[in-house]
Amino acid sequence: MRKIALGLAVLGLSAGVAFAQTPTNFADVDTDGNGELSFAELQAVWPDLTQDEFDAADVDGSGGLSVKELNTLQPAALRATPSSDAGVSAETISD
């Protein structure tokens, strides 16, 4: 039982470091600084995002999502995976 508790404590500490490194605002995710989020940039924080979902949100066809377009993504496209983005949402990214 002690080994399990110790293992969970180590896992919790290492997960905290990973969560601290996860981008949480638009500028952090916009790695090329062009003011729009590409499909590749978004997949870094939302690995479940599909190309079809991205294309549907890209209403101007620019190949990138503005803050306004990002906020139109359907909730299914914004699923948070516990291991990668822990609650990151369009609202946090659009800040």
PDB file of N, CA and C in Angstrom:
ATOM      1  N   MET A   1       0.826  -1.196   0.000  1.00  0.00           N
ATOM      2  CA  MET A   1       0.000   0.000   0.000  1.00  0.00           C
ATOM      3  C   MET A   1       0.872   1.261   0.000  1.00  0.00           C
ATOM      4  N   ARG A   2       1.986   1.213   0.716  1.00  0.00           N
ATOM      5  CA  ARG A   2       2.881   2.374   0.755  1.00  0.00           C
ATOM      6  C   ARG A   2       3.461   2.672  -0.614  1.00  0.00           C
ATOM      7  N   LYS A   3       3.780   1.598  -1.366  1.00  0.00           N
ATOM      8  CA  LYS A   3       4.340   1.791  -2.702  1.00  0.00           C
ATOM      9  C   LYS A   3       3.329   2.476  -3.625  1.00  0.00           C
ATOM     10  N   ILE A   4       2.075   2.108  -3.496  1.00  0.00           N
ATOM     11  CA  ILE A   4       1.036   2.727  -4.318  1.00  0.00           C
ATOM     12  C   ILE A   4       0.903   4.204  -3.962  1.00  0.00           C
ATOM     13  N   ALA A   5       0.866   4.501  -2.679  1.00  0.00           N
ATOM     14  CA  ALA A   5       0.735   5.892  -2.234  1.00  0.00           C
ATOM     15  C   ALA A   5       1.935   6.718  -2.687  1.00  0.00           C
ATOM     16  N   LEU A   6       3.124   6.167  -2.585  1.00  0.00           N
ATOM     17  CA  LEU A   6       4.329   6.870  -3.019  1.00  0.00           C
ATOM     18  C   LEU A   6       4.311   7.079  -4.533  1.00  0.00           C
ATOM     19  N   GLY A   7       3.896   6.052  -5.243  1.00  0.00           N
ATOM     20  CA  GLY A   7       3.803   6.158  -6.704  1.00  0.00           C
ATOM     21  C   GLY A   7       2.810   7.225  -7.127  1.00  0.00           C
ATOM     22  N   LEU A   8       1.678   7.291  -6.458  1.00  0.00           N
ATOM     23  CA  LEU A   8       0.686   8.315  -6.780  1.00  0.00           C
ATOM     24  C   LEU A   8       1.202   9.719  -6.464  1.00  0.00           C
ATOM     25  N   ALA A   9       1.944   9.840  -5.375  1.00  0.00           N
ATOM     26  CA  ALA A   9       2.504  11.145  -5.013  1.00  0.00           C
ATOM     27  C   ALA A   9       3.511  11.606  -6.066  1.00  0.00           C
ATOM     28  N   VAL A  10       4.369  10.708  -6.528  1.00  0.00           N
ATOM     29  CA  VAL A  10       5.352  11.049  -7.559  1.00  0.00           C
ATOM     30  C   VAL A  10       4.634  11.403  -8.860  1.00  0.00           C
ATOM     31  N   LEU A  11       3.631  10.627  -9.219  1.00  0.00           N
ATOM     32  CA  LEU A  11       2.861  10.895 -10.427  1.00  0.00           C
ATOM     33  C   LEU A  11       2.184  12.265 -10.336  1.00  0.00           C
ATOM     34  N   GLY A  12       1.622  12.581  -9.201  1.00  0.00           N
ATOM     35  CA  GLY A  12       0.970  13.873  -9.006  1.00  0.00           C
ATOM     36  C   GLY A  12       1.936  15.023  -9.159  1.00  0.00           C
ATOM     37  N   LEU A  13       3.139  14.886  -8.612  1.00  0.00           N
ATOM     38  CA  LEU A  13       4.135  15.947  -8.736  1.00  0.00           C
ATOM     39  C   LEU A  13       4.607  16.115 -10.174  1.00  0.00           C
ATOM     40  N   SER A  14       4.829  15.015 -10.861  1.00  0.00           N
ATOM     41  CA  SER A  14       5.287  15.115 -12.249  1.00  0.00           C
ATOM     42  C   SER A  14       4.183  15.637 -13.150  1.00  0.00           C
ATOM     43  N   ALA A  15       2.935  15.307 -12.871  1.00  0.00           N
ATOM     44  CA  ALA A  15       1.821  15.818 -13.669  1.00  0.00           C
ATOM     45  C   ALA A  15       1.677  17.319 -13.474  1.00  0.00           C
ATOM     46  N   GLY A  16       1.937  17.807 -12.287  1.00  0.00           N
ATOM     47  CA  GLY A  16       1.863  19.243 -12.026  1.00  0.00           C
ATOM     48  C   GLY A  16       2.839  20.015 -12.879  1.00  0.00           C
ATOM     49  N   VAL A  17       4.022  19.481 -13.078  1.00  0.00           N
ATOM     50  CA  VAL A  17       5.020  20.129 -13.925  1.00  0.00           C
ATOM     51  C   VAL A  17       4.529  20.136 -15.369  1.00  0.00           C
ATOM     52  N   ALA A  18       3.960  19.034 -15.833  1.00  0.00           N
ATOM     53  CA  ALA A  18       3.458  18.964 -17.207  1.00  0.00           C
ATOM     54  C   ALA A  18       2.317  19.945 -17.409  1.00  0.00           C
ATOM     55  N   PHE A  19       1.406  20.056 -16.451  1.00  0.00           N
ATOM     56  CA  PHE A  19       0.291  20.988 -16.579  1.00  0.00           C
ATOM     57  C   PHE A  19       0.788  22.423 -16.598  1.00  0.00           C
ATOM     58  N   ALA A  20       1.830  22.727 -15.876  1.00  0.00           N
ATOM     59  CA  ALA A  20       2.361  24.084 -15.831  1.00  0.00           C
ATOM     60  C   ALA A  20       2.951  24.481 -17.184  1.00  0.00           C
ATOM     61  N   GLN A  21       3.354  23.512 -18.000  1.00  0.00           N
ATOM     62  CA  GLN A  21       3.960  23.791 -19.292  1.00  0.00           C
ATOM     63  C   GLN A  21       2.946  23.829 -20.428  1.00  0.00           C
ATOM     64  N   THR A  22       1.682  23.489 -20.151  1.00  0.00           N
ATOM     65  CA  THR A  22       0.662  23.472 -21.181  1.00  0.00           C
ATOM     66  C   THR A  22       0.242  24.897 -21.532  1.00  0.00           C
ATOM     67  N   PRO A  23       0.285  25.280 -22.814  1.00  0.00           N
ATOM     68  CA  PRO A  23      -0.148  26.616 -23.197  1.00  0.00           C
ATOM     69  C   PRO A  23      -1.606  26.831 -22.817  1.00  0.00           C
ATOM     70  N   THR A  24      -1.941  28.011 -22.323  1.00  0.00           N
ATOM     71  CA  THR A  24      -3.306  28.248 -21.892  1.00  0.00           C
ATOM     72  C   THR A  24      -3.915  29.511 -22.466  1.00  0.00           C
ATOM     73  N   ASN A  25      -3.208  30.241 -23.283  1.00  0.00           N
ATOM     74  CA  ASN A  25      -3.834  31.392 -23.908  1.00  0.00           C
ATOM     75  C   ASN A  25      -3.500  31.416 -25.395  1.00  0.00           C
ATOM     76  N   PHE A  26      -4.233  32.230 -26.113  1.00  0.00           N
ATOM     77  CA  PHE A  26      -4.116  32.270 -27.571  1.00  0.00           C
ATOM     78  C   PHE A  26      -2.680  32.516 -28.020  1.00  0.00           C
ATOM     79  N   ALA A  27      -2.022  33.480 -27.410  1.00  0.00           N
ATOM     80  CA  ALA A  27      -0.651  33.827 -27.804  1.00  0.00           C
ATOM     81  C   ALA A  27       0.320  32.669 -27.590  1.00  0.00           C
ATOM     82  N   ASP A  28       0.131  31.890 -26.527  1.00  0.00           N
ATOM     83  CA  ASP A  28       1.001  30.747 -26.277  1.00  0.00           C
ATOM     84  C   ASP A  28       0.808  29.662 -27.336  1.00  0.00           C
ATOM     85  N   VAL A  29      -0.429  29.470 -27.759  1.00  0.00           N
ATOM     86  CA  VAL A  29      -0.714  28.434 -28.757  1.00  0.00           C
ATOM     87  C   VAL A  29      -0.313  28.905 -30.149  1.00  0.00           C
ATOM     88  N   ASP A  30      -0.402  30.199 -30.413  1.00  0.00           N
ATOM     89  CA  ASP A  30      -0.037  30.781 -31.704  1.00  0.00           C
ATOM     90  C   ASP A  30       1.490  30.899 -31.782  1.00  0.00           C
ATOM     91  N   THR A  31       2.148  29.779 -31.989  1.00  0.00           N
ATOM     92  CA  THR A  31       3.607  29.726 -31.903  1.00  0.00           C
ATOM     93  C   THR A  31       4.311  30.528 -32.995  1.00  0.00           C
ATOM     94  N   ASP A  32       3.662  30.722 -34.152  1.00  0.00           N
ATOM     95  CA  ASP A  32       4.297  31.515 -35.198  1.00  0.00           C
ATOM     96  C   ASP A  32       3.932  32.998 -35.110  1.00  0.00           C
ATOM     97  N   GLY A  33       3.040  33.348 -34.185  1.00  0.00           N
ATOM     98  CA  GLY A  33       2.705  34.741 -33.928  1.00  0.00           C
ATOM     99  C   GLY A  33       1.969  35.456 -35.052  1.00  0.00           C
ATOM    100  N   ASN A  34       1.254  34.713 -35.900  1.00  0.00           N
ATOM    101  CA  ASN A  34       0.572  35.351 -37.025  1.00  0.00           C
ATOM    102  C   ASN A  34      -0.857  35.801 -36.709  1.00  0.00           C
ATOM    103  N   GLY A  35      -1.307  35.604 -35.476  1.00  0.00           N
ATOM    104  CA  GLY A  35      -2.644  36.051 -35.083  1.00  0.00           C
ATOM    105  C   GLY A  35      -3.747  35.062 -35.362  1.00  0.00           C
ATOM    106  N   GLU A  36      -3.405  33.893 -35.896  1.00  0.00           N
ATOM    107  CA  GLU A  36      -4.364  32.826 -36.137  1.00  0.00           C
ATOM    108  C   GLU A  36      -3.748  31.501 -35.684  1.00  0.00           C
ATOM    109  N   LEU A  37      -4.622  30.552 -35.355  1.00  0.00           N
ATOM    110  CA  LEU A  37      -4.143  29.236 -34.940  1.00  0.00           C
ATOM    111  C   LEU A  37      -4.300  28.260 -36.085  1.00  0.00           C
ATOM    112  N   SER A  38      -3.197  27.658 -36.477  1.00  0.00           N
ATOM    113  CA  SER A  38      -3.229  26.643 -37.528  1.00  0.00           C
ATOM    114  C   SER A  38      -3.747  25.333 -36.943  1.00  0.00           C
ATOM    115  N   PHE A  39      -4.068  24.409 -37.833  1.00  0.00           N
ATOM    116  CA  PHE A  39      -4.512  23.089 -37.395  1.00  0.00           C
ATOM    117  C   PHE A  39      -3.430  22.421 -36.541  1.00  0.00           C
ATOM    118  N   ALA A  40      -2.186  22.517 -36.964  1.00  0.00           N
ATOM    119  CA  ALA A  40      -1.077  21.903 -36.214  1.00  0.00           C
ATOM    120  C   ALA A  40      -0.927  22.545 -34.829  1.00  0.00           C
ATOM    121  N   GLU A  41      -1.048  23.867 -34.744  1.00  0.00           N
ATOM    122  CA  GLU A  41      -0.931  24.549 -33.454  1.00  0.00           C
ATOM    123  C   GLU A  41      -2.051  24.107 -32.515  1.00  0.00           C
ATOM    124  N   LEU A  42      -3.271  23.987 -33.041  1.00  0.00           N
ATOM    125  CA  LEU A  42      -4.394  23.560 -32.205  1.00  0.00           C
ATOM    126  C   LEU A  42      -4.275  22.101 -31.789  1.00  0.00           C
ATOM    127  N   GLN A  43      -3.776  21.264 -32.682  1.00  0.00           N
ATOM    128  CA  GLN A  43      -3.635  19.848 -32.328  1.00  0.00           C
ATOM    129  C   GLN A  43      -2.643  19.645 -31.196  1.00  0.00           C
ATOM    130  N   ALA A  44      -1.730  20.571 -31.006  1.00  0.00           N
ATOM    131  CA  ALA A  44      -0.783  20.456 -29.895  1.00  0.00           C
ATOM    132  C   ALA A  44      -1.498  20.514 -28.555  1.00  0.00           C
ATOM    133  N   VAL A  45      -2.611  21.247 -28.481  1.00  0.00           N
ATOM    134  CA  VAL A  45      -3.355  21.341 -27.221  1.00  0.00           C
ATOM    135  C   VAL A  45      -4.639  20.536 -27.240  1.00  0.00           C
ATOM    136  N   TRP A  46      -5.173  20.224 -28.429  1.00  0.00           N
ATOM    137  CA  TRP A  46      -6.380  19.406 -28.585  1.00  0.00           C
ATOM    138  C   TRP A  46      -6.127  18.308 -29.591  1.00  0.00           C
ATOM    139  N   PRO A  47      -5.486  17.227 -29.162  1.00  0.00           N
ATOM    140  CA  PRO A  47      -5.131  16.154 -30.096  1.00  0.00           C
ATOM    141  C   PRO A  47      -6.333  15.481 -30.749  1.00  0.00           C
ATOM    142  N   ASP A  48      -7.522  15.596 -30.155  1.00  0.00           N
ATOM    143  CA  ASP A  48      -8.713  14.962 -30.721  1.00  0.00           C
ATOM    144  C   ASP A  48      -9.390  15.812 -31.788  1.00  0.00           C
ATOM    145  N   LEU A  49      -8.928  17.025 -32.015  1.00  0.00           N
ATOM    146  CA  LEU A  49      -9.518  17.896 -33.023  1.00  0.00           C
ATOM    147  C   LEU A  49      -9.311  17.290 -34.404  1.00  0.00           C
ATOM    148  N   THR A  50     -10.373  17.220 -35.180  1.00  0.00           N
ATOM    149  CA  THR A  50     -10.251  16.667 -36.532  1.00  0.00           C
ATOM    150  C   THR A  50     -10.111  17.798 -37.547  1.00  0.00           C
ATOM    151  N   GLN A  51      -9.597  17.450 -38.721  1.00  0.00           N
ATOM    152  CA  GLN A  51      -9.460  18.430 -39.792  1.00  0.00           C
ATOM    153  C   GLN A  51     -10.831  18.965 -40.201  1.00  0.00           C
ATOM    154  N   ASP A  52     -11.846  18.103 -40.218  1.00  0.00           N
ATOM    155  CA  ASP A  52     -13.197  18.534 -40.582  1.00  0.00           C
ATOM    156  C   ASP A  52     -13.741  19.558 -39.589  1.00  0.00           C
ATOM    157  N   GLU A  53     -13.519  19.343 -38.293  1.00  0.00           N
ATOM    158  CA  GLU A  53     -13.973  20.297 -37.276  1.00  0.00           C
ATOM    159  C   GLU A  53     -13.250  21.631 -37.432  1.00  0.00           C
ATOM    160  N   PHE A  54     -11.950  21.560 -37.685  1.00  0.00           N
ATOM    161  CA  PHE A  54     -11.154  22.769 -37.889  1.00  0.00           C
ATOM    162  C   PHE A  54     -11.650  23.529 -39.116  1.00  0.00           C
ATOM    163  N   ASP A  55     -11.841  22.810 -40.236  1.00  0.00           N
ATOM    164  CA  ASP A  55     -12.282  23.440 -41.479  1.00  0.00           C
ATOM    165  C   ASP A  55     -13.659  24.092 -41.318  1.00  0.00           C
ATOM    166  N   ALA A  56     -14.551  23.464 -40.562  1.00  0.00           N
ATOM    167  CA  ALA A  56     -15.878  24.030 -40.341  1.00  0.00           C
ATOM    168  C   ALA A  56     -15.796  25.345 -39.561  1.00  0.00           C
ATOM    169  N   ALA A  57     -14.847  25.447 -38.645  1.00  0.00           N
ATOM    170  CA  ALA A  57     -14.684  26.672 -37.850  1.00  0.00           C
ATOM    171  C   ALA A  57     -13.970  27.768 -38.641  1.00  0.00           C
ATOM    172  N   ASP A  58     -13.183  27.408 -39.644  1.00  0.00           N
ATOM    173  CA  ASP A  58     -12.421  28.368 -40.452  1.00  0.00           C
ATOM    174  C   ASP A  58     -13.334  28.959 -41.523  1.00  0.00           C
ATOM    175  N   VAL A  59     -14.266  29.808 -41.101  1.00  0.00           N
ATOM    176  CA  VAL A  59     -15.291  30.317 -42.017  1.00  0.00           C
ATOM    177  C   VAL A  59     -14.736  31.208 -43.118  1.00  0.00           C
ATOM    178  N   ASP A  60     -13.625  31.892 -42.893  1.00  0.00           N
ATOM    179  CA  ASP A  60     -13.067  32.748 -43.941  1.00  0.00           C
ATOM    180  C   ASP A  60     -12.094  32.001 -44.859  1.00  0.00           C
ATOM    181  N   GLY A  61     -11.842  30.714 -44.560  1.00  0.00           N
ATOM    182  CA  GLY A  61     -10.993  29.894 -45.416  1.00  0.00           C
ATOM    183  C   GLY A  61      -9.527  30.289 -45.432  1.00  0.00           C
ATOM    184  N   SER A  62      -9.072  30.965 -44.376  1.00  0.00           N
ATOM    185  CA  SER A  62      -7.690  31.447 -44.337  1.00  0.00           C
ATOM    186  C   SER A  62      -6.676  30.363 -43.972  1.00  0.00           C
ATOM    187  N   GLY A  63      -7.164  29.223 -43.502  1.00  0.00           N
ATOM    188  CA  GLY A  63      -6.254  28.167 -43.073  1.00  0.00           C
ATOM    189  C   GLY A  63      -5.838  28.291 -41.621  1.00  0.00           C
ATOM    190  N   GLY A  64      -6.383  29.294 -40.933  1.00  0.00           N
ATOM    191  CA  GLY A  64      -6.108  29.495 -39.515  1.00  0.00           C
ATOM    192  C   GLY A  64      -7.356  30.025 -38.831  1.00  0.00           C
ATOM    193  N   LEU A  65      -7.417  29.841 -37.523  1.00  0.00           N
ATOM    194  CA  LEU A  65      -8.579  30.301 -36.768  1.00  0.00           C
ATOM    195  C   LEU A  65      -8.247  31.550 -35.966  1.00  0.00           C
ATOM    196  N   SER A  66      -9.075  32.564 -36.128  1.00  0.00           N
ATOM    197  CA  SER A  66      -8.977  33.766 -35.300  1.00  0.00           C
ATOM    198  C   SER A  66      -9.615  33.451 -33.955  1.00  0.00           C
ATOM    199  N   VAL A  67      -9.543  34.379 -33.027  1.00  0.00           N
ATOM    200  CA  VAL A  67     -10.184  34.186 -31.724  1.00  0.00           C
ATOM    201  C   VAL A  67     -11.677  33.951 -31.919  1.00  0.00           C
ATOM    202  N   LYS A  68     -12.311  34.740 -32.777  1.00  0.00           N
ATOM    203  CA  LYS A  68     -13.755  34.601 -33.022  1.00  0.00           C
ATOM    204  C   LYS A  68     -14.074  33.223 -33.598  1.00  0.00           C
ATOM    205  N   GLU A  69     -13.297  32.783 -34.572  1.00  0.00           N
ATOM    206  CA  GLU A  69     -13.527  31.464 -35.168  1.00  0.00           C
ATOM    207  C   GLU A  69     -13.256  30.350 -34.162  1.00  0.00           C
ATOM    208  N   LEU A  70     -12.243  30.515 -33.364  1.00  0.00           N
ATOM    209  CA  LEU A  70     -11.921  29.510 -32.347  1.00  0.00           C
ATOM    210  C   LEU A  70     -13.099  29.309 -31.413  1.00  0.00           C
ATOM    211  N   ASN A  71     -13.759  30.388 -31.054  1.00  0.00           N
ATOM    212  CA  ASN A  71     -14.877  30.298 -30.122  1.00  0.00           C
ATOM    213  C   ASN A  71     -16.119  29.674 -30.738  1.00  0.00           C
ATOM    214  N   THR A  72     -16.131  29.445 -32.055  1.00  0.00           N
ATOM    215  CA  THR A  72     -17.272  28.784 -32.688  1.00  0.00           C
ATOM    216  C   THR A  72     -17.114  27.268 -32.726  1.00  0.00           C
ATOM    217  N   LEU A  73     -15.952  26.758 -32.373  1.00  0.00           N
ATOM    218  CA  LEU A  73     -15.760  25.303 -32.381  1.00  0.00           C
ATOM    219  C   LEU A  73     -16.782  24.642 -31.480  1.00  0.00           C
ATOM    220  N   GLN A  74     -17.307  23.540 -31.932  1.00  0.00           N
ATOM    221  CA  GLN A  74     -18.285  22.793 -31.147  1.00  0.00           C
ATOM    222  C   GLN A  74     -17.608  22.157 -29.940  1.00  0.00           C
ATOM    223  N   PRO A  75     -18.319  22.017 -28.813  1.00  0.00           N
ATOM    224  CA  PRO A  75     -17.722  21.422 -27.605  1.00  0.00           C
ATOM    225  C   PRO A  75     -17.074  20.067 -27.838  1.00  0.00           C
ATOM    226  N   ALA A  76     -17.587  19.251 -28.749  1.00  0.00           N
ATOM    227  CA  ALA A  76     -16.977  17.940 -29.010  1.00  0.00           C
ATOM    228  C   ALA A  76     -15.547  18.097 -29.488  1.00  0.00           C
ATOM    229  N   ALA A  77     -15.264  19.183 -30.178  1.00  0.00           N
ATOM    230  CA  ALA A  77     -13.913  19.420 -30.677  1.00  0.00           C
ATOM    231  C   ALA A  77     -12.985  19.902 -29.585  1.00  0.00           C
ATOM    232  N   LEU A  78     -13.527  20.328 -28.462  1.00  0.00           N
ATOM    233  CA  LEU A  78     -12.728  20.903 -27.389  1.00  0.00           C
ATOM    234  C   LEU A  78     -12.567  19.960 -26.208  1.00  0.00           C
ATOM    235  N   ARG A  79     -12.722  18.669 -26.452  1.00  0.00           N
ATOM    236  CA  ARG A  79     -12.560  17.701 -25.365  1.00  0.00           C
ATOM    237  C   ARG A  79     -11.177  17.843 -24.744  1.00  0.00           C
ATOM    238  N   ALA A  80     -11.165  17.894 -23.432  1.00  0.00           N
ATOM    239  CA  ALA A  80      -9.887  17.949 -22.717  1.00  0.00           C
ATOM    240  C   ALA A  80      -9.480  16.532 -22.354  1.00  0.00           C
ATOM    241  N   THR A  81      -8.266  16.169 -22.705  1.00  0.00           N
ATOM    242  CA  THR A  81      -7.762  14.869 -22.298  1.00  0.00           C
ATOM    243  C   THR A  81      -6.977  15.060 -21.010  1.00  0.00           C
ATOM    244  N   PRO A  82      -7.260  14.278 -19.974  1.00  0.00           N
ATOM    245  CA  PRO A  82      -6.626  14.490 -18.674  1.00  0.00           C
ATOM    246  C   PRO A  82      -5.111  14.530 -18.720  1.00  0.00           C
ATOM    247  N   SER A  83      -4.502  13.818 -19.651  1.00  0.00           N
ATOM    248  CA  SER A  83      -3.050  13.780 -19.667  1.00  0.00           C
ATOM    249  C   SER A  83      -2.414  14.927 -20.424  1.00  0.00           C
ATOM    250  N   SER A  84      -3.209  15.646 -21.265  1.00  0.00           N
ATOM    251  CA  SER A  84      -2.551  16.631 -22.107  1.00  0.00           C
ATOM    252  C   SER A  84      -2.953  18.071 -21.866  1.00  0.00           C
ATOM    253  N   ASP A  85      -4.244  18.351 -21.623  1.00  0.00           N
ATOM    254  CA  ASP A  85      -4.583  19.753 -21.535  1.00  0.00           C
ATOM    255  C   ASP A  85      -5.450  20.124 -20.352  1.00  0.00           C
ATOM    256  N   ALA A  86      -5.830  19.226 -19.543  1.00  0.00           N
ATOM    257  CA  ALA A  86      -6.452  19.447 -18.240  1.00  0.00           C
ATOM    258  C   ALA A  86      -7.312  20.693 -18.144  1.00  0.00           C
ATOM    259  N   GLY A  87      -8.389  20.707 -18.897  1.00  0.00           N
ATOM    260  CA  GLY A  87      -9.348  21.775 -18.741  1.00  0.00           C
ATOM    261  C   GLY A  87      -9.125  22.984 -19.622  1.00  0.00           C
ATOM    262  N   VAL A  88      -8.210  22.932 -20.543  1.00  0.00           N
ATOM    263  CA  VAL A  88      -8.017  24.051 -21.456  1.00  0.00           C
ATOM    264  C   VAL A  88      -9.264  24.113 -22.340  1.00  0.00           C
ATOM    265  N   SER A  89      -9.825  25.281 -22.501  1.00  0.00           N
ATOM    266  CA  SER A  89     -11.014  25.458 -23.318  1.00  0.00           C
ATOM    267  C   SER A  89     -10.820  26.627 -24.259  1.00  0.00           C
ATOM    268  N   ALA A  90     -11.761  26.816 -25.140  1.00  0.00           N
ATOM    269  CA  ALA A  90     -11.690  27.950 -26.060  1.00  0.00           C
ATOM    270  C   ALA A  90     -11.661  29.259 -25.283  1.00  0.00           C
ATOM    271  N   GLU A  91     -12.372  29.306 -24.168  1.00  0.00           N
ATOM    272  CA  GLU A  91     -12.388  30.528 -23.373  1.00  0.00           C
ATOM    273  C   GLU A  91     -10.997  30.844 -22.822  1.00  0.00           C
ATOM    274  N   THR A  92     -10.267  29.822 -22.375  1.00  0.00           N
ATOM    275  CA  THR A  92      -8.927  30.103 -21.835  1.00  0.00           C
ATOM    276  C   THR A  92      -7.956  30.445 -22.940  1.00  0.00           C
ATOM    277  N   ILE A  93      -8.082  29.797 -24.078  1.00  0.00           N
ATOM    278  CA  ILE A  93      -7.168  30.064 -25.173  1.00  0.00           C
ATOM    279  C   ILE A  93      -7.446  31.426 -25.785  1.00  0.00           C
ATOM    280  N   SER A  94      -8.675  31.884 -25.769  1.00  0.00           N
ATOM    281  CA  SER A  94      -8.977  33.149 -26.434  1.00  0.00           C
ATOM    282  C   SER A  94      -8.631  34.370 -25.590  1.00  0.00           C
ATOM    283  N   ASP A  95      -8.148  34.187 -24.409  1.00  0.00           N
ATOM    284  CA  ASP A  95      -7.785  35.336 -23.560  1.00  0.00           C
ATOM    285  C   ASP A  95      -6.609  36.098 -24.116  1.00  0.00           C
TER     286      ASP A  95
END
